Structures are given as structure tokens and as C-alpha cells.
Amino acid sequence: MSAKKFLIRCALVVILLTAVLVAINAYVDLYGLFRPAGERHLSIYSDERTSKYLLAHRYVPENFQGYILGPSLSANLNPKLITEYKIYNLSMMGANITEQKAVVDKALERKAPEFVIVCLHPYLTQDHGMKTGMINPKEYYGALGSMSLYKTYAIKFIREHNLMTRKYPSNQYNDYGYNFYDKILQVMPVEEKIQEQLKRPDAIKTAIDSVALQEFTTLMNTFREKNVKVIGYFHPLPFPLYDKFRAPLTAYQQTMRDVLGNDVRVVDFNTPDYEFFTKDLSNYIDHGHLSEKGQQYLLREILTQAAMVPAR
């Protein structure tokens, strides 16, 4: 066999194998990109940012009436507990408004939701710009075959077979975007963590980045244009922390209210009416993230105050 024929055969084998792998990945369709996503139940296994960005192409807008938006503080709200609506949690660990907006914008390209629930906390607007390369249009084609995809296959196998339960617990995510990170994130008793944060003058950074504020404003205006109902809530901070930073937090809240306008229902969980919640440390797993008990109360209370579900 001549060298030329050998190279041609090798090239054909490579092309054939590549085509087979692409066909398999398209059939598995881990993110609901390549065939109808309605009625499918797709979870997350690795790289939350990439996964939610890809799921936002079809799966999320085709299956859910509402979205939860925000950073990690809202990522562990489990919308599957709300039976009156199908709500997807598009919040992401460590996300700022730039990253959150990119994911929401992708979902809006296909279909606008009926409503969104927005977690209002200074973390979301303290800076701007992508923090990682995980939210990238190239990831769409990577879902047909890439190292990131095969890594996700591997972690999916690990989670489903309980091989590394501390790092990759099987129940960390569900098909509604819920991220049950409690056992992963909790590293010390809640009271100790709060006391640690109280010693830091910058424990809560309330300054608002001007570009981030513009991105937030643009997103809220987009919701108005598409007749999406917006429900905002100021995340409940443990009372000692809120009390220490009360003045700058009040200024932050006013800025957010100005952007949201009078037509948006805003629930402030840091008012005296909710001190029964913010003074009860069993509602937290650290200095801000909520426990399962706190999560369950918070989400239903938001929807109750927005007159969308009955009180219990």
C-alpha cells in the first residue's frame, strides 16, 4: 500500500469516527439542543455556568413559565417545591450580572417567560464582565464533541453511581436548576461564620459598578418590553450583619428600587416584619446562604407576596 493510500484511509477512518461520535452526542443531547426539549427532564452534572447557558437555548424556555435569577444566594432555591408553576432556577454560583444576563438573553431569543424572580444583593452588581470562559457560543458546538462534554459524561457517571459523594453528590442538581450545595459549602457553624464576617469591614461590599448597573437596567427594560412580570426580593441577611451594614445597604436598595420602578413588586426580607426569620440562624448555613428550611419559606413567601400563590 502506498503512503498516499494509507493516509487517505486514515483520514476516512478519522472522518467516519468523528461522524459517529457527533451522531451519538447529538442523539444523547445532554442539554436539549438538537431535538425538541419539551417534556424532557434534563439535569446538570458539571460546570453550572456552561450547563445553564446551553440549557437556556431550548430546554428552559420550552418547559418553564418562570425563572429565578441571581448569584449563589438564590441558586439553592428549589422551585420544584412550588407546584402551582414550573419555575427554573437560572441562578449561578458566583455569577455577576454580566454572566446572568448572557444566559437569560439566550433563553429570551427563543421565548420570554411569564415572570422572573430576581435576587437583589450587592454581589450581583459589584463588578462586570465574564468571570470564566464557560459562557461562550462555542460551547454550543462543543456539545457535539469536546473535552468539556466528555468530562460531563464522566461526572454524570460518577454522580449516578455515587463514586465520589463528597465532591460530586448524586442529588446536587435537579431538572429545575436547583443546586443543593449546602453540604459542600457549609464549613463551620453558622454563628461562628457570622462572627467571623462581623470582624471584616468589607464583609458586604455595597458599591455598585456603573457598567453592571447599566447591564442590570438593560435586562429589566428588556423584561418590560417583552411583558415579563418581574418580582424582586432583597435577600435576607442574618440580622447582625444587616444591622452592621444597614446604612450602605439602604443606599444600595434605593438604587435598585429606582431601576426597578414602581411597577415591580419588591419583597424586602430585611425589614422588621421579617426579623423572626433573619434572627433565626437555623434559616442559614453560613453568613448568607439559606438552609433548606430557609429556602422553602423564602420562595413561597415571595410568590405569596406577589399574589401568585396562596399563603400556607
Protein backbone atom coordinates (compact mmCIF):
# COMPACT_ATOMS: atom_id res chain seq x y z
CA MET A 1 0.00 0.00 0.00
CA SER A 2 1.37 3.37 -0.99
CA ALA A 3 1.81 6.11 1.57
CA LYS A 4 -0.83 8.18 -0.21
CA LYS A 5 -3.47 5.42 0.01
CA PHE A 6 -2.59 4.81 3.66
CA LEU A 7 -3.08 8.48 4.52
CA ILE A 8 -6.38 8.59 2.63
CA ARG A 9 -7.67 5.55 4.50
CA CYS A 10 -6.57 7.00 7.84
CA ALA A 11 -8.32 10.26 7.01
CA LEU A 12 -11.51 8.41 6.08
CA VAL A 13 -11.41 6.41 9.31
CA VAL A 14 -10.96 9.59 11.33
CA ILE A 15 -13.83 11.30 9.50
CA LEU A 16 -16.07 8.26 9.99
CA LEU A 17 -15.26 8.01 13.71
CA THR A 18 -15.83 11.73 14.15
CA ALA A 19 -19.19 11.50 12.38
CA VAL A 20 -20.20 8.55 14.57
CA LEU A 21 -19.23 10.40 17.76
CA VAL A 22 -21.09 13.55 16.67
CA ALA A 23 -24.18 11.47 15.87
CA ILE A 24 -24.04 9.75 19.28
CA ASN A 25 -23.62 13.06 21.12
CA ALA A 26 -26.48 14.61 19.16
CA TYR A 27 -28.68 11.62 20.00
CA VAL A 28 -27.82 11.74 23.71
CA ASP A 29 -28.36 15.52 23.55
CA LEU A 30 -27.34 16.18 27.14
CA TYR A 31 -28.53 19.80 27.01
CA GLY A 32 -31.65 19.52 24.85
CA LEU A 33 -30.10 21.40 21.94
CA PHE A 34 -30.67 19.22 18.90
CA ARG A 35 -34.17 17.80 19.26
CA PRO A 36 -37.40 19.03 20.89
CA ALA A 37 -36.81 19.70 24.58
CA GLY A 38 -40.44 19.74 25.68
CA GLU A 39 -41.31 17.28 28.45
CA ARG A 40 -37.69 16.21 28.88
CA HIS A 41 -36.10 16.19 32.35
CA LEU A 42 -32.53 17.41 31.99
CA SER A 43 -30.29 17.89 34.97
CA ILE A 44 -26.82 19.39 35.49
CA TYR A 45 -23.74 17.30 36.17
CA SER A 46 -20.75 19.58 35.71
CA ASP A 47 -19.84 23.23 35.02
CA GLU A 48 -23.01 25.00 36.15
CA ARG A 49 -22.40 28.09 34.01
CA THR A 50 -21.89 26.14 30.79
CA SER A 51 -24.78 23.80 31.54
CA LYS A 52 -27.31 26.54 32.28
CA TYR A 53 -26.16 28.54 29.26
CA LEU A 54 -26.72 25.54 26.98
CA LEU A 55 -29.98 24.51 28.66
CA ALA A 56 -31.21 28.08 28.12
CA HIS A 57 -31.12 27.57 24.35
CA ARG A 58 -34.22 25.32 24.30
CA TYR A 59 -34.86 23.28 27.41
CA VAL A 60 -35.54 26.16 29.79
CA PRO A 61 -37.71 28.39 27.56
CA GLU A 62 -39.67 25.42 26.15
CA ASN A 63 -40.51 23.92 29.55
CA PHE A 64 -40.78 26.64 32.20
CA GLN A 65 -43.11 29.55 32.93
CA GLY A 66 -40.77 31.50 35.18
CA TYR A 67 -37.10 31.87 36.11
CA ILE A 68 -35.17 32.59 39.30
CA LEU A 69 -32.19 34.87 38.66
CA GLY A 70 -29.25 35.73 40.89
CA PRO A 71 -25.92 34.57 42.32
CA SER A 72 -25.30 31.65 44.68
CA LEU A 73 -27.62 33.15 47.32
CA SER A 74 -30.61 32.12 45.20
CA ALA A 75 -29.06 29.11 43.44
CA ASN A 76 -30.21 26.73 46.17
CA LEU A 77 -33.87 27.71 46.00
CA ASN A 78 -35.73 24.59 44.86
CA PRO A 79 -38.54 25.70 42.53
CA LYS A 80 -39.74 22.12 42.18
CA LEU A 81 -41.43 22.59 45.57
CA ILE A 82 -43.76 25.18 44.02
CA THR A 83 -46.41 23.06 42.36
CA GLU A 84 -48.51 25.97 41.06
CA TYR A 85 -45.90 26.92 38.43
CA LYS A 86 -42.99 25.45 36.54
CA ILE A 87 -40.05 27.64 37.52
CA TYR A 88 -36.42 27.12 36.50
CA ASN A 89 -33.57 28.34 38.69
CA LEU A 90 -31.15 30.09 36.34
CA SER A 91 -29.07 31.47 39.24
CA MET A 92 -25.40 30.52 39.17
CA MET A 93 -22.73 30.17 41.81
CA GLY A 94 -20.52 33.26 41.84
CA ALA A 95 -22.33 34.87 38.90
CA ASN A 96 -22.46 38.60 38.33
CA ILE A 97 -24.98 40.45 36.18
CA THR A 98 -22.89 40.08 33.00
CA GLU A 99 -22.97 36.29 33.22
CA GLN A 100 -26.58 36.14 34.36
CA LYS A 101 -27.70 38.43 31.55
CA ALA A 102 -25.90 36.35 28.92
CA VAL A 103 -27.77 33.22 29.98
CA VAL A 104 -31.14 34.98 30.21
CA ASP A 105 -30.65 36.69 26.84
CA LYS A 106 -30.12 33.27 25.27
CA ALA A 107 -33.40 31.99 26.72
CA LEU A 108 -35.22 35.14 25.58
CA GLU A 109 -34.13 34.52 21.99
CA ARG A 110 -36.48 31.54 21.88
CA LYS A 111 -39.30 32.56 24.21
CA ALA A 112 -39.98 35.02 27.02
CA PRO A 113 -41.11 33.62 30.38
CA GLU A 114 -44.26 34.79 32.11
CA PHE A 115 -42.32 36.07 35.11
CA VAL A 116 -38.89 36.23 36.72
CA ILE A 117 -37.87 36.30 40.38
CA VAL A 118 -34.72 38.38 40.88
CA CYS A 119 -32.46 38.02 43.91
CA LEU A 120 -31.27 41.51 44.82
CA HIS A 121 -27.92 41.50 46.59
CA PRO A 122 -24.87 43.74 46.05
CA TYR A 123 -22.81 40.77 44.84
CA LEU A 124 -24.73 40.71 41.56
CA THR A 125 -23.71 44.25 40.58
CA GLN A 126 -20.38 44.79 42.33
CA ASP A 127 -18.45 44.08 39.11
CA HIS A 128 -19.00 43.26 35.46
CA GLY A 129 -17.54 41.08 32.74
CA MET A 130 -17.28 37.32 32.31
CA LYS A 131 -15.50 35.64 35.21
CA THR A 132 -14.81 32.46 33.23
CA GLY A 133 -14.91 31.23 29.64
CA MET A 134 -17.76 28.86 30.43
CA ILE A 135 -20.49 31.01 28.89
CA ASN A 136 -19.43 31.08 25.27
CA PRO A 137 -21.25 30.45 21.94
CA LYS A 138 -18.53 27.91 21.09
CA GLU A 139 -19.95 25.67 23.82
CA TYR A 140 -22.97 25.02 21.56
CA TYR A 141 -20.79 23.17 19.06
CA GLY A 142 -18.81 21.66 21.90
CA ALA A 143 -21.99 19.79 22.84
CA LEU A 144 -21.43 17.71 19.70
CA GLY A 145 -18.00 16.65 20.87
CA SER A 146 -15.41 18.27 23.13
CA MET A 147 -13.30 17.60 26.20
CA SER A 148 -15.86 19.56 28.24
CA LEU A 149 -18.64 17.28 27.04
CA TYR A 150 -16.73 14.08 27.77
CA LYS A 151 -15.80 15.44 31.20
CA THR A 152 -19.51 15.95 31.82
CA TYR A 153 -20.26 12.37 30.74
CA ALA A 154 -17.65 11.15 33.22
CA ILE A 155 -19.01 13.24 36.10
CA LYS A 156 -22.56 12.16 35.25
CA PHE A 157 -21.42 8.54 35.62
CA ILE A 158 -19.66 9.35 38.91
CA ARG A 159 -22.75 11.10 40.33
CA GLU A 160 -25.20 8.42 39.23
CA HIS A 161 -23.08 5.64 40.74
CA ASN A 162 -22.17 7.52 43.97
CA LEU A 163 -18.44 7.13 43.39
CA MET A 164 -17.30 10.48 44.89
CA THR A 165 -20.15 11.56 47.13
CA ARG A 166 -18.33 14.42 48.88
CA LYS A 167 -17.21 16.17 45.70
CA TYR A 168 -19.93 15.02 43.29
CA PRO A 169 -23.07 14.06 45.27
CA SER A 170 -25.77 12.45 43.18
CA ASN A 171 -28.53 14.79 44.36
CA GLN A 172 -26.74 18.13 43.99
CA TYR A 173 -28.82 19.31 41.00
CA ASN A 174 -32.30 18.60 39.72
CA ASP A 175 -34.09 19.18 36.41
CA TYR A 176 -35.41 22.56 37.67
CA GLY A 177 -31.93 24.07 38.05
CA TYR A 178 -31.80 23.68 41.84
CA ASN A 179 -28.26 23.48 43.23
CA PHE A 180 -28.24 21.72 46.59
CA TYR A 181 -24.77 22.87 47.61
CA ASP A 182 -25.47 23.08 51.35
CA LYS A 183 -23.26 20.20 52.49
CA ILE A 184 -20.48 21.26 50.12
CA LEU A 185 -20.50 24.93 51.16
CA GLN A 186 -21.01 24.68 54.91
CA VAL A 187 -17.55 24.61 56.51
CA MET A 188 -18.20 25.88 60.05
CA PRO A 189 -21.10 26.53 62.44
CA VAL A 190 -23.33 29.38 61.29
CA GLU A 191 -22.81 31.58 64.35
CA GLU A 192 -19.03 31.26 64.07
CA LYS A 193 -19.15 32.21 60.40
CA ILE A 194 -21.27 35.27 61.12
CA GLN A 195 -18.96 36.38 63.92
CA GLU A 196 -16.01 35.95 61.57
CA GLN A 197 -17.70 38.16 58.96
CA LEU A 198 -18.63 40.82 61.52
CA LYS A 199 -14.92 41.41 62.12
CA ARG A 200 -14.41 42.29 58.45
CA PRO A 201 -15.10 45.89 57.39
CA ASP A 202 -15.71 44.69 53.82
CA ALA A 203 -17.87 41.66 54.60
CA ILE A 204 -20.64 43.14 52.44
CA LYS A 205 -19.44 45.25 49.52
CA THR A 206 -22.32 47.55 48.63
CA ALA A 207 -20.65 49.65 45.93
CA ILE A 208 -22.37 49.28 42.55
CA ASP A 209 -20.26 49.03 39.40
CA SER A 210 -21.56 51.53 36.83
CA VAL A 211 -21.34 49.09 33.89
CA ALA A 212 -23.02 46.36 35.94
CA LEU A 213 -25.83 48.76 36.83
CA GLN A 214 -26.35 49.57 33.16
CA GLU A 215 -26.46 45.86 32.31
CA PHE A 216 -28.99 45.28 35.08
CA THR A 217 -31.09 48.23 33.84
CA THR A 218 -30.97 46.92 30.27
CA LEU A 219 -32.15 43.50 31.37
CA MET A 220 -35.04 44.95 33.38
CA ASN A 221 -36.06 47.09 30.40
CA THR A 222 -35.99 44.01 28.17
CA PHE A 223 -38.39 42.28 30.54
CA ARG A 224 -40.73 45.28 30.34
CA GLU A 225 -40.61 45.26 26.54
CA LYS A 226 -41.49 41.56 26.49
CA ASN A 227 -44.24 41.93 29.13
CA VAL A 228 -42.41 39.71 31.61
CA LYS A 229 -43.59 40.21 35.18
CA VAL A 230 -40.63 41.00 37.46
CA ILE A 231 -40.63 40.12 41.16
CA GLY A 232 -37.60 41.36 43.08
CA TYR A 233 -36.53 40.44 46.57
CA PHE A 234 -33.80 41.76 48.81
CA HIS A 235 -32.09 38.66 50.09
CA PRO A 236 -32.47 38.16 53.86
CA LEU A 237 -29.14 38.69 55.60
CA PRO A 238 -28.56 37.43 59.15
CA PHE A 239 -29.72 40.27 61.36
CA PRO A 240 -26.31 41.09 62.95
CA LEU A 241 -24.72 41.53 59.52
CA TYR A 242 -27.57 43.57 58.11
CA ASP A 243 -27.60 45.75 61.22
CA LYS A 244 -23.88 46.50 60.91
CA PHE A 245 -24.13 47.48 57.23
CA ARG A 246 -27.61 48.98 57.41
CA ALA A 247 -26.71 52.44 56.06
CA PRO A 248 -24.86 51.35 52.87
CA LEU A 249 -27.38 48.57 52.27
CA THR A 250 -30.23 51.09 52.46
CA ALA A 251 -28.50 53.19 49.80
CA TYR A 252 -27.98 50.10 47.64
CA GLN A 253 -31.65 49.16 47.97
CA GLN A 254 -32.81 52.60 46.94
CA THR A 255 -30.72 52.44 43.77
CA MET A 256 -32.19 49.06 42.89
CA ARG A 257 -35.73 50.30 43.57
CA ASP A 258 -35.13 53.29 41.28
CA VAL A 259 -34.09 50.96 38.46
CA LEU A 260 -36.96 48.53 39.01
CA GLY A 261 -39.62 51.23 39.17
CA ASN A 262 -42.99 51.30 40.87
CA ASP A 263 -44.50 48.60 38.67
CA VAL A 264 -42.23 45.87 40.11
CA ARG A 265 -43.25 44.04 43.28
CA VAL A 266 -40.27 44.04 45.65
CA VAL A 267 -40.14 42.00 48.85
CA ASP A 268 -37.61 43.22 51.41
CA PHE A 269 -36.67 40.41 53.78
CA ASN A 270 -34.57 42.74 55.92
CA THR A 271 -37.45 44.78 57.35
CA PRO A 272 -38.67 44.40 60.95
CA ASP A 273 -41.55 42.25 59.66
CA TYR A 274 -39.03 39.52 58.80
CA GLU A 275 -36.75 39.75 61.81
CA PHE A 276 -38.28 36.50 63.04
CA PHE A 277 -36.54 34.98 60.01
CA THR A 278 -33.23 36.87 59.98
CA LYS A 279 -32.68 36.37 63.72
CA ASP A 280 -33.30 32.64 63.46
CA LEU A 281 -29.93 31.21 62.45
CA SER A 282 -31.45 27.84 61.60
CA ASN A 283 -32.52 29.53 58.37
CA TYR A 284 -28.87 29.77 57.27
CA ILE A 285 -25.89 27.54 56.50
CA ASP A 286 -23.38 30.39 56.81
CA HIS A 287 -23.34 34.21 56.74
CA GLY A 288 -25.91 34.49 53.94
CA HIS A 289 -26.78 31.27 52.15
CA LEU A 290 -30.02 29.70 53.28
CA SER A 291 -30.69 26.30 54.82
CA GLU A 292 -33.38 24.01 53.41
CA LYS A 293 -35.79 25.40 55.99
CA GLY A 294 -35.00 28.97 54.98
CA GLN A 295 -35.17 28.20 51.26
CA GLN A 296 -38.61 26.64 51.44
CA TYR A 297 -40.09 29.55 53.37
CA LEU A 298 -38.44 32.22 51.23
CA LEU A 299 -39.60 31.08 47.81
CA ARG A 300 -43.23 30.56 48.77
CA GLU A 301 -43.29 33.86 50.69
CA ILE A 302 -42.01 35.72 47.61
CA LEU A 303 -44.77 34.29 45.45
CA THR A 304 -47.37 34.83 48.17
CA GLN A 305 -46.41 38.49 48.50
CA ALA A 306 -46.58 38.82 44.73
CA ALA A 307 -50.14 37.40 44.92
CA MET A 308 -49.19 34.41 42.78
CA VAL A 309 -49.72 31.56 45.27
CA PRO A 310 -51.82 31.28 48.43
CA ALA A 311 -50.17 31.57 51.83
CA ARG A 312 -49.72 28.43 53.90
